Amino acid sequence: MFDISFAELFLISVIALLILGPQRLPEVLRTIGLWMGRMRRVYNNVRQEIDREVGMDDIRRQLHNEQITAELKQVEAEAKALKRDISSSVSDAAREGEAEIKDNPSPKPPSDQKPASE
């Protein structure tokens, strides 16, 4: 990000030594170091909080997907049960129809011949 060479650091330190003096320079450097440490801690805390929030979003999304999957399985089970009910109803109706046909045979079906036209 920053491209600071050794020469630039040396120039900054010489200017700081001239401006602040040898007595105040260590105190200022210590204060700057403390502030840099605090900023790093705040940055790390914010980054960890964001990571946790993103992780919680993933967990929420996963729970939502699991809920949808469970609902789909329930609908599928209901559809299978309905299919079985319909199949058994159709089978029962077919058996009843066969039994009715056996009990009451109908007259022969009409022949495929057309009546003579006039």
C-alpha atoms as a PDB file:
ATOM      1  CA  MET A   1       0.000   0.000   0.000  1.00  0.00           C
ATOM      2  CA  PHE A   2       2.620   2.519   1.107  1.00  0.00           C
ATOM      3  CA  ASP A   3       5.991   2.337  -0.574  1.00  0.00           C
ATOM      4  CA  ILE A   4       8.302   3.934   1.949  1.00  0.00           C
ATOM      5  CA  SER A   5      11.996   3.335   1.418  1.00  0.00           C
ATOM      6  CA  PHE A   6      14.785   3.467   3.986  1.00  0.00           C
ATOM      7  CA  ALA A   7      15.872   6.896   2.787  1.00  0.00           C
ATOM      8  CA  GLU A   8      12.390   8.323   3.331  1.00  0.00           C
ATOM      9  CA  LEU A   9      12.210   6.828   6.838  1.00  0.00           C
ATOM     10  CA  PHE A  10      15.617   8.270   7.654  1.00  0.00           C
ATOM     11  CA  LEU A  11      14.564  11.724   6.412  1.00  0.00           C
ATOM     12  CA  ILE A  12      11.329  11.607   8.491  1.00  0.00           C
ATOM     13  CA  SER A  13      13.224  10.568  11.625  1.00  0.00           C
ATOM     14  CA  VAL A  14      15.837  13.361  11.193  1.00  0.00           C
ATOM     15  CA  ILE A  15      13.067  15.967  10.766  1.00  0.00           C
ATOM     16  CA  ALA A  16      11.209  14.595  13.807  1.00  0.00           C
ATOM     17  CA  LEU A  17      14.425  14.707  15.861  1.00  0.00           C
ATOM     18  CA  LEU A  18      15.044  18.308  14.851  1.00  0.00           C
ATOM     19  CA  ILE A  19      11.473  19.430  15.526  1.00  0.00           C
ATOM     20  CA  LEU A  20      10.783  17.497  18.734  1.00  0.00           C
ATOM     21  CA  GLY A  21      14.257  17.324  20.176  1.00  0.00           C
ATOM     22  CA  PRO A  22      16.020  14.331  21.713  1.00  0.00           C
ATOM     23  CA  GLN A  23      14.116  14.569  25.029  1.00  0.00           C
ATOM     24  CA  ARG A  24      10.536  14.488  23.656  1.00  0.00           C
ATOM     25  CA  LEU A  25      11.141  12.143  20.688  1.00  0.00           C
ATOM     26  CA  PRO A  26      11.065   8.845  22.686  1.00  0.00           C
ATOM     27  CA  GLU A  27       7.874   9.935  24.458  1.00  0.00           C
ATOM     28  CA  VAL A  28       6.200  10.857  21.154  1.00  0.00           C
ATOM     29  CA  LEU A  29       7.299   7.589  19.547  1.00  0.00           C
ATOM     30  CA  ARG A  30       5.919   5.631  22.512  1.00  0.00           C
ATOM     31  CA  THR A  31       2.601   7.503  22.261  1.00  0.00           C
ATOM     32  CA  ILE A  32       2.451   6.860  18.517  1.00  0.00           C
ATOM     33  CA  GLY A  33       3.168   3.173  19.158  1.00  0.00           C
ATOM     34  CA  LEU A  34       0.345   2.988  21.731  1.00  0.00           C
ATOM     35  CA  TRP A  35      -2.096   4.630  19.316  1.00  0.00           C
ATOM     36  CA  MET A  36      -1.026   2.291  16.514  1.00  0.00           C
ATOM     37  CA  GLY A  37      -1.605  -0.705  18.825  1.00  0.00           C
ATOM     38  CA  ARG A  38      -5.064   0.580  19.778  1.00  0.00           C
ATOM     39  CA  MET A  39      -5.962   1.115  16.123  1.00  0.00           C
ATOM     40  CA  ARG A  40      -4.836  -2.429  15.290  1.00  0.00           C
ATOM     41  CA  ARG A  41      -6.932  -3.869  18.132  1.00  0.00           C
ATOM     42  CA  VAL A  42      -9.992  -1.880  17.052  1.00  0.00           C
ATOM     43  CA  TYR A  43      -9.457  -2.965  13.446  1.00  0.00           C
ATOM     44  CA  ASN A  44      -9.087  -6.615  14.467  1.00  0.00           C
ATOM     45  CA  ASN A  45     -12.191  -6.424  16.669  1.00  0.00           C
ATOM     46  CA  VAL A  46     -14.240  -4.892  13.864  1.00  0.00           C
ATOM     47  CA  ARG A  47     -12.959  -7.495  11.404  1.00  0.00           C
ATOM     48  CA  GLN A  48     -13.793 -10.339  13.817  1.00  0.00           C
ATOM     49  CA  GLU A  49     -17.267  -8.899  14.385  1.00  0.00           C
ATOM     50  CA  ILE A  50     -17.859  -8.713  10.646  1.00  0.00           C
ATOM     51  CA  ASP A  51     -16.598 -12.285  10.239  1.00  0.00           C
ATOM     52  CA  ARG A  52     -19.000 -13.430  12.975  1.00  0.00           C
ATOM     53  CA  GLU A  53     -21.900 -11.614  11.318  1.00  0.00           C
ATOM     54  CA  VAL A  54     -21.051 -13.169   7.964  1.00  0.00           C
ATOM     55  CA  GLY A  55     -20.809 -16.552   9.666  1.00  0.00           C
ATOM     56  CA  MET A  56     -24.172 -15.999  11.328  1.00  0.00           C
ATOM     57  CA  ASP A  57     -25.667 -15.078   7.955  1.00  0.00           C
ATOM     58  CA  ASP A  58     -24.342 -18.355   6.566  1.00  0.00           C
ATOM     59  CA  ILE A  59     -25.837 -20.238   9.510  1.00  0.00           C
ATOM     60  CA  ARG A  60     -29.190 -18.477   9.037  1.00  0.00           C
ATOM     61  CA  ARG A  61     -29.120 -19.278   5.332  1.00  0.00           C
ATOM     62  CA  GLN A  62     -28.278 -22.915   6.072  1.00  0.00           C
ATOM     63  CA  LEU A  63     -31.103 -23.189   8.630  1.00  0.00           C
ATOM     64  CA  HIS A  64     -33.512 -21.639   6.137  1.00  0.00           C
ATOM     65  CA  ASN A  65     -32.396 -24.135   3.478  1.00  0.00           C
ATOM     66  CA  GLU A  66     -32.838 -27.017   5.931  1.00  0.00           C
ATOM     67  CA  GLN A  67     -36.326 -25.784   6.769  1.00  0.00           C
ATOM     68  CA  ILE A  68     -37.235 -25.613   3.083  1.00  0.00           C
ATOM     69  CA  THR A  69     -35.812 -29.104   2.556  1.00  0.00           C
ATOM     70  CA  ALA A  70     -37.882 -30.442   5.448  1.00  0.00           C
ATOM     71  CA  GLU A  71     -41.013 -28.818   4.015  1.00  0.00           C
ATOM     72  CA  LEU A  72     -40.273 -30.318   0.592  1.00  0.00           C
ATOM     73  CA  LYS A  73     -39.874 -33.769   2.134  1.00  0.00           C
ATOM     74  CA  GLN A  74     -43.179 -33.334   3.950  1.00  0.00           C
ATOM     75  CA  VAL A  75     -44.931 -32.283   0.719  1.00  0.00           C
ATOM     76  CA  GLU A  76     -43.346 -35.231  -1.085  1.00  0.00           C
ATOM     77  CA  ALA A  77     -44.577 -37.628   1.600  1.00  0.00           C
ATOM     78  CA  GLU A  78     -48.069 -36.148   1.369  1.00  0.00           C
ATOM     79  CA  ALA A  79     -47.989 -36.506  -2.422  1.00  0.00           C
ATOM     80  CA  LYS A  80     -46.952 -40.151  -2.142  1.00  0.00           C
ATOM     81  CA  ALA A  81     -49.733 -40.809   0.363  1.00  0.00           C
ATOM     82  CA  LEU A  82     -52.228 -39.111  -1.953  1.00  0.00           C
ATOM     83  CA  LYS A  83     -50.950 -41.186  -4.870  1.00  0.00           C
ATOM     84  CA  ARG A  84     -51.431 -44.375  -2.847  1.00  0.00           C
ATOM     85  CA  ASP A  85     -54.950 -43.298  -1.871  1.00  0.00           C
ATOM     86  CA  ILE A  86     -55.841 -42.522  -5.475  1.00  0.00           C
ATOM     87  CA  SER A  87     -54.332 -45.795  -6.695  1.00  0.00           C
ATOM     88  CA  SER A  88     -56.252 -47.801  -4.103  1.00  0.00           C
ATOM     89  CA  SER A  89     -59.467 -45.919  -4.935  1.00  0.00           C
ATOM     90  CA  VAL A  90     -58.994 -46.569  -8.654  1.00  0.00           C
ATOM     91  CA  SER A  91     -58.208 -50.229  -7.970  1.00  0.00           C
ATOM     92  CA  ASP A  92     -61.288 -50.559  -5.768  1.00  0.00           C
ATOM     93  CA  ALA A  93     -63.457 -48.874  -8.390  1.00  0.00           C
ATOM     94  CA  ALA A  94     -62.042 -51.150 -11.091  1.00  0.00           C
ATOM     95  CA  ARG A  95     -62.766 -54.239  -8.996  1.00  0.00           C
ATOM     96  CA  GLU A  96     -66.290 -53.028  -8.301  1.00  0.00           C
ATOM     97  CA  GLY A  97     -66.775 -52.369 -12.008  1.00  0.00           C
ATOM     98  CA  GLU A  98     -65.521 -55.843 -12.901  1.00  0.00           C
ATOM     99  CA  ALA A  99     -67.781 -57.402 -10.291  1.00  0.00           C
ATOM    100  CA  GLU A 100     -70.743 -55.419 -11.577  1.00  0.00           C
ATOM    101  CA  ILE A 101     -70.018 -56.489 -15.151  1.00  0.00           C
ATOM    102  CA  LYS A 102     -69.808 -60.136 -14.069  1.00  0.00           C
ATOM    103  CA  ASP A 103     -73.059 -59.877 -12.129  1.00  0.00           C
ATOM    104  CA  ASN A 104     -74.992 -57.993 -14.834  1.00  0.00           C
ATOM    105  CA  PRO A 105     -73.653 -58.849 -18.227  1.00  0.00           C
ATOM    106  CA  SER A 106     -74.813 -56.337 -20.802  1.00  0.00           C
ATOM    107  CA  PRO A 107     -76.150 -57.227 -24.213  1.00  0.00           C
ATOM    108  CA  LYS A 108     -73.701 -57.648 -27.023  1.00  0.00           C
ATOM    109  CA  PRO A 109     -72.222 -54.400 -28.181  1.00  0.00           C
ATOM    110  CA  PRO A 110     -73.720 -53.093 -31.403  1.00  0.00           C
ATOM    111  CA  SER A 111     -71.961 -54.209 -34.542  1.00  0.00           C
ATOM    112  CA  ASP A 112     -69.803 -51.797 -36.397  1.00  0.00           C
ATOM    113  CA  GLN A 113     -72.034 -51.942 -39.428  1.00  0.00           C
ATOM    114  CA  LYS A 114     -73.966 -48.855 -40.354  1.00  0.00           C
ATOM    115  CA  PRO A 115     -77.681 -49.084 -40.992  1.00  0.00           C
ATOM    116  CA  ALA A 116     -78.641 -49.106 -44.646  1.00  0.00           C
ATOM    117  CA  SER A 117     -79.373 -45.704 -45.975  1.00  0.00           C
ATOM    118  CA  GLU A 118     -82.688 -44.963 -47.614  1.00  0.00           C
END
